[in-house]
Every structure is written in C-alpha cells, then in structure tokens.
Amino acid sequence: MNNNITIRTANEEDLPQVLDIYNHVIINTTAVYSYKPHTLEMRKAWFNERKENNFPVFVATTDAKIVGFSSYGKFRVWPAYKYTVENSVYVHEAYRGKGIAKHLLQVLIDDAKSKNYHAMIAGIDSGNDVSVKLHGQFGFVEVANFKQVGFKFGKWLDLKFMELIFETPANPIEE
C-alpha cells in the first residue's frame, strides 16, 4: 500500500466524501443492489446507526481525501444472530487495485474479533471477482450462492455469501 494512505475511524465530516464513493458504486456497479444515489441525510442516518450500535466505520485517506471506507453491521435482526456481522468495503474508483481494500477489510476483522463476534459475512455480487478474491485471501469461504435474487442494469444478479468464522466468543450468552 502507498505510504501516504492512512486508515482511521471515520467522523461525520467524512460523510460527503464517503457518500460520493458509495453513490459512484450504486450508479456504476452491481456491488450495491440499489438503483438511486443516496442523500447525505441517508448517509448520516447510516453513520449514526453504526455509532449507536457500536459498529465501526473506517476510512482510508491520502492527502486529506477519503479514498475508501469500510464498516460492518448486523447480519440479521433476531437476537440469536448477535455474534454475526456483515461487512462492507468500498474504494474510490481511481484508487482501486492499490491494496486499500485489504487494509480496510483487515481493520474490520481485527475490530470484530476484539468485540467477540464469531462470524463475519460478506454479501458479494457473483460477478464481482475482485471482491470474491479479496475475501478469499482473508479466509472467507463461499457458503451460499443465491440465484437471480437481484435485478440491475437489465439483468438478473446472483448473490454470493462468504463467511469467516472467528474463534471467539469463548462463552457466548443467550439473551
């Protein structure tokens, strides 16, 4: 990775640049199964939900510019899923292929382990070979391939679920 890249915890002032990256992904790729760009208010609500639930948001920066971000959140809402999270990693189109996503994913994994999560899920469009390979490098394995569950850009999309199991928590609690 370029020595000028720094990974840090995001703050609210980062959200306009985070939004630009996310909206580019929505408009130009199948990495997000959404049709319309998000608003700054939507990103603020997302960010605040992450903070309220003690979920991280990290940004990769260079020269005061946000070039990528990552986060994780609830996998599903029911209580028994509380030890499982789902990740998201996005890199600005001009900075892809430079190893930034690896650092953004590693910091998510480290954070999840430190908080005693047991599993991390990645939902990846089956055509996104770069993301499948990235997650595979960290030990994620494909556990599901849902056929034609999304429709975008005039075609049906398949969604892969990849999973990474951690050794934690040692003593899970049912509550």
Protein backbone atom coordinates (compact mmCIF):
# COMPACT_ATOMS: atom_id res chain seq x y z
CA MET A 1 0.00 0.00 0.00
CA ASN A 2 1.11 3.54 -0.70
CA ASN A 3 2.80 5.02 2.36
CA ASN A 4 0.56 8.08 2.05
CA ILE A 5 -2.57 6.03 2.84
CA THR A 6 -3.86 6.11 6.40
CA ILE A 7 -6.70 4.02 7.85
CA ARG A 8 -8.62 5.72 10.66
CA THR A 9 -12.03 5.82 12.32
CA ALA A 10 -14.48 7.91 10.32
CA ASN A 11 -16.15 11.05 11.61
CA GLU A 12 -19.23 12.93 10.46
CA GLU A 13 -17.14 15.39 8.42
CA ASP A 14 -16.03 12.46 6.23
CA LEU A 15 -19.57 11.60 5.15
CA PRO A 16 -19.78 13.77 1.99
CA GLN A 17 -16.73 12.00 0.54
CA VAL A 18 -17.96 8.61 1.76
CA LEU A 19 -21.28 9.39 0.06
CA ASP A 20 -19.52 10.21 -3.23
CA ILE A 21 -17.75 6.84 -3.21
CA TYR A 22 -20.93 4.98 -2.30
CA ASN A 23 -23.03 6.74 -4.93
CA HIS A 24 -20.46 6.01 -7.63
CA VAL A 25 -20.73 2.34 -6.68
CA ILE A 26 -24.55 2.46 -6.81
CA ILE A 27 -24.64 4.20 -10.19
CA ASN A 28 -21.88 2.23 -11.92
CA THR A 29 -21.63 -1.26 -10.39
CA THR A 30 -23.58 -4.20 -9.05
CA ALA A 31 -21.68 -4.11 -5.73
CA VAL A 32 -24.77 -2.46 -4.18
CA TYR A 33 -28.20 -3.67 -5.22
CA SER A 34 -29.72 -0.19 -5.14
CA TYR A 35 -30.88 1.93 -8.06
CA LYS A 36 -30.83 5.52 -6.83
CA PRO A 37 -28.00 7.50 -5.26
CA HIS A 38 -28.27 8.11 -1.55
CA THR A 39 -28.56 11.52 0.06
CA LEU A 40 -26.28 12.98 2.69
CA GLU A 41 -29.14 12.62 5.18
CA MET A 42 -29.30 8.88 4.41
CA ARG A 43 -25.54 8.53 4.98
CA LYS A 44 -25.81 10.44 8.25
CA ALA A 45 -28.60 8.14 9.43
CA TRP A 46 -26.49 5.11 8.45
CA PHE A 47 -23.45 6.54 10.26
CA ASN A 48 -25.45 7.34 13.40
CA GLU A 49 -26.97 3.84 13.42
CA ARG A 50 -23.47 2.40 13.25
CA LYS A 51 -22.29 4.55 16.15
CA GLU A 52 -25.36 3.80 18.29
CA ASN A 53 -24.78 0.05 17.87
CA ASN A 54 -21.00 0.20 18.43
CA PHE A 55 -20.27 -0.80 14.83
CA PRO A 56 -17.15 0.73 13.26
CA VAL A 57 -16.76 2.87 10.18
CA PHE A 58 -13.20 3.22 8.91
CA VAL A 59 -11.86 5.43 6.15
CA ALA A 60 -8.71 5.25 4.06
CA THR A 61 -7.23 8.69 3.42
CA THR A 62 -4.47 10.25 1.42
CA ASP A 63 -3.71 13.97 1.40
CA ALA A 64 -6.98 14.70 3.27
CA LYS A 65 -9.01 12.85 0.62
CA ILE A 66 -11.17 9.85 1.52
CA VAL A 67 -10.27 7.06 -0.92
CA GLY A 68 -12.20 4.21 0.65
CA PHE A 69 -14.31 3.15 3.59
CA SER A 70 -15.40 0.02 5.39
CA SER A 71 -17.88 -0.96 8.04
CA TYR A 72 -19.85 -3.83 9.42
CA GLY A 73 -23.29 -4.07 10.92
CA LYS A 74 -25.98 -6.52 11.92
CA PHE A 75 -26.29 -9.58 9.75
CA ARG A 76 -29.93 -10.13 10.71
CA VAL A 77 -32.10 -8.55 13.39
CA TRP A 78 -33.08 -11.54 15.57
CA PRO A 79 -31.21 -11.90 18.90
CA ALA A 80 -29.52 -15.22 18.16
CA TYR A 81 -27.59 -13.56 15.30
CA LYS A 82 -25.87 -11.12 17.70
CA TYR A 83 -22.47 -12.78 17.25
CA THR A 84 -22.56 -12.41 13.45
CA VAL A 85 -21.89 -9.26 11.43
CA GLU A 86 -21.94 -8.37 7.73
CA ASN A 87 -19.15 -6.30 6.23
CA SER A 88 -18.91 -3.65 3.52
CA VAL A 89 -15.74 -2.37 1.83
CA TYR A 90 -15.69 0.30 -0.90
CA VAL A 91 -12.77 2.02 -2.62
CA HIS A 92 -12.84 5.15 -4.80
CA GLU A 93 -12.63 4.12 -8.46
CA ALA A 94 -9.34 5.98 -9.01
CA TYR A 95 -7.66 4.10 -6.14
CA ARG A 96 -8.73 0.52 -6.80
CA GLY A 97 -6.05 -2.13 -7.23
CA LYS A 98 -3.66 -0.44 -4.79
CA GLY A 99 -4.24 -2.69 -1.77
CA ILE A 100 -6.51 -0.25 0.06
CA ALA A 101 -9.40 -2.72 0.34
CA LYS A 102 -7.09 -5.25 2.03
CA HIS A 103 -6.28 -2.77 4.77
CA LEU A 104 -9.90 -1.73 5.16
CA LEU A 105 -11.00 -5.36 5.47
CA GLN A 106 -8.19 -6.27 7.88
CA VAL A 107 -9.15 -3.48 10.29
CA LEU A 108 -12.78 -4.71 10.21
CA ILE A 109 -11.72 -8.26 11.01
CA ASP A 110 -9.48 -7.08 13.86
CA ASP A 111 -12.26 -4.91 15.27
CA ALA A 112 -14.84 -7.72 15.08
CA LYS A 113 -12.50 -10.15 16.84
CA SER A 114 -11.82 -7.59 19.58
CA LYS A 115 -15.57 -7.30 20.18
CA ASN A 116 -16.03 -11.09 20.42
CA TYR A 117 -18.01 -11.60 17.24
CA HIS A 118 -18.00 -15.17 15.98
CA ALA A 119 -18.70 -14.82 12.26
CA MET A 120 -18.41 -12.20 9.54
CA ILE A 121 -20.49 -12.45 6.38
CA ALA A 122 -19.81 -10.79 3.05
CA GLY A 123 -22.67 -10.50 0.56
CA ILE A 124 -20.99 -10.18 -2.86
CA ASP A 125 -22.44 -9.98 -6.35
CA SER A 126 -21.32 -13.18 -8.07
CA GLY A 127 -19.80 -11.17 -10.91
CA ASN A 128 -17.52 -9.23 -8.55
CA ASP A 129 -14.46 -11.47 -8.88
CA VAL A 130 -12.19 -8.88 -7.25
CA SER A 131 -14.23 -8.85 -4.04
CA VAL A 132 -14.59 -12.65 -4.01
CA LYS A 133 -10.80 -12.97 -4.36
CA LEU A 134 -10.15 -10.31 -1.70
CA HIS A 135 -12.35 -12.05 0.84
CA GLY A 136 -10.86 -15.43 -0.06
CA GLN A 137 -7.39 -14.08 0.76
CA PHE A 138 -8.60 -13.49 4.32
CA GLY A 139 -10.04 -16.99 4.70
CA PHE A 140 -13.67 -16.28 3.82
CA VAL A 141 -15.33 -19.27 2.17
CA GLU A 142 -18.42 -19.32 -0.01
CA VAL A 143 -21.37 -20.69 1.93
CA ALA A 144 -24.25 -19.75 -0.39
CA ASN A 145 -24.94 -18.64 -3.94
CA PHE A 146 -28.43 -17.23 -4.35
CA LYS A 147 -29.51 -17.32 -7.99
CA GLN A 148 -31.23 -14.33 -9.62
CA VAL A 149 -32.12 -12.54 -6.38
CA GLY A 150 -31.32 -9.07 -7.72
CA PHE A 151 -32.14 -7.21 -10.91
CA LYS A 152 -29.99 -4.28 -12.07
CA PHE A 153 -28.72 -2.93 -15.38
CA GLY A 154 -31.25 -5.08 -17.24
CA LYS A 155 -30.05 -8.43 -15.93
CA TRP A 156 -30.65 -10.87 -13.08
CA LEU A 157 -27.92 -10.96 -10.46
CA ASP A 158 -26.67 -13.80 -8.29
CA LEU A 159 -25.54 -13.06 -4.74
CA LYS A 160 -22.76 -14.99 -3.01
CA PHE A 161 -22.46 -15.19 0.75
CA MET A 162 -18.93 -15.70 2.01
CA GLU A 163 -18.20 -16.34 5.67
CA LEU A 164 -15.26 -16.06 8.02
CA ILE A 165 -15.51 -17.82 11.40
CA PHE A 166 -13.57 -16.45 14.37
CA GLU A 167 -12.56 -18.45 17.44
CA THR A 168 -14.49 -16.02 19.65
CA PRO A 169 -16.57 -15.77 21.76
CA ALA A 170 -15.37 -18.34 24.26
CA ASN A 171 -18.54 -18.17 26.36
CA PRO A 172 -21.48 -16.93 24.31
CA ILE A 173 -24.53 -15.70 26.18
CA GLU A 174 -28.13 -16.33 25.18
CA GLU A 175 -30.17 -13.22 25.99
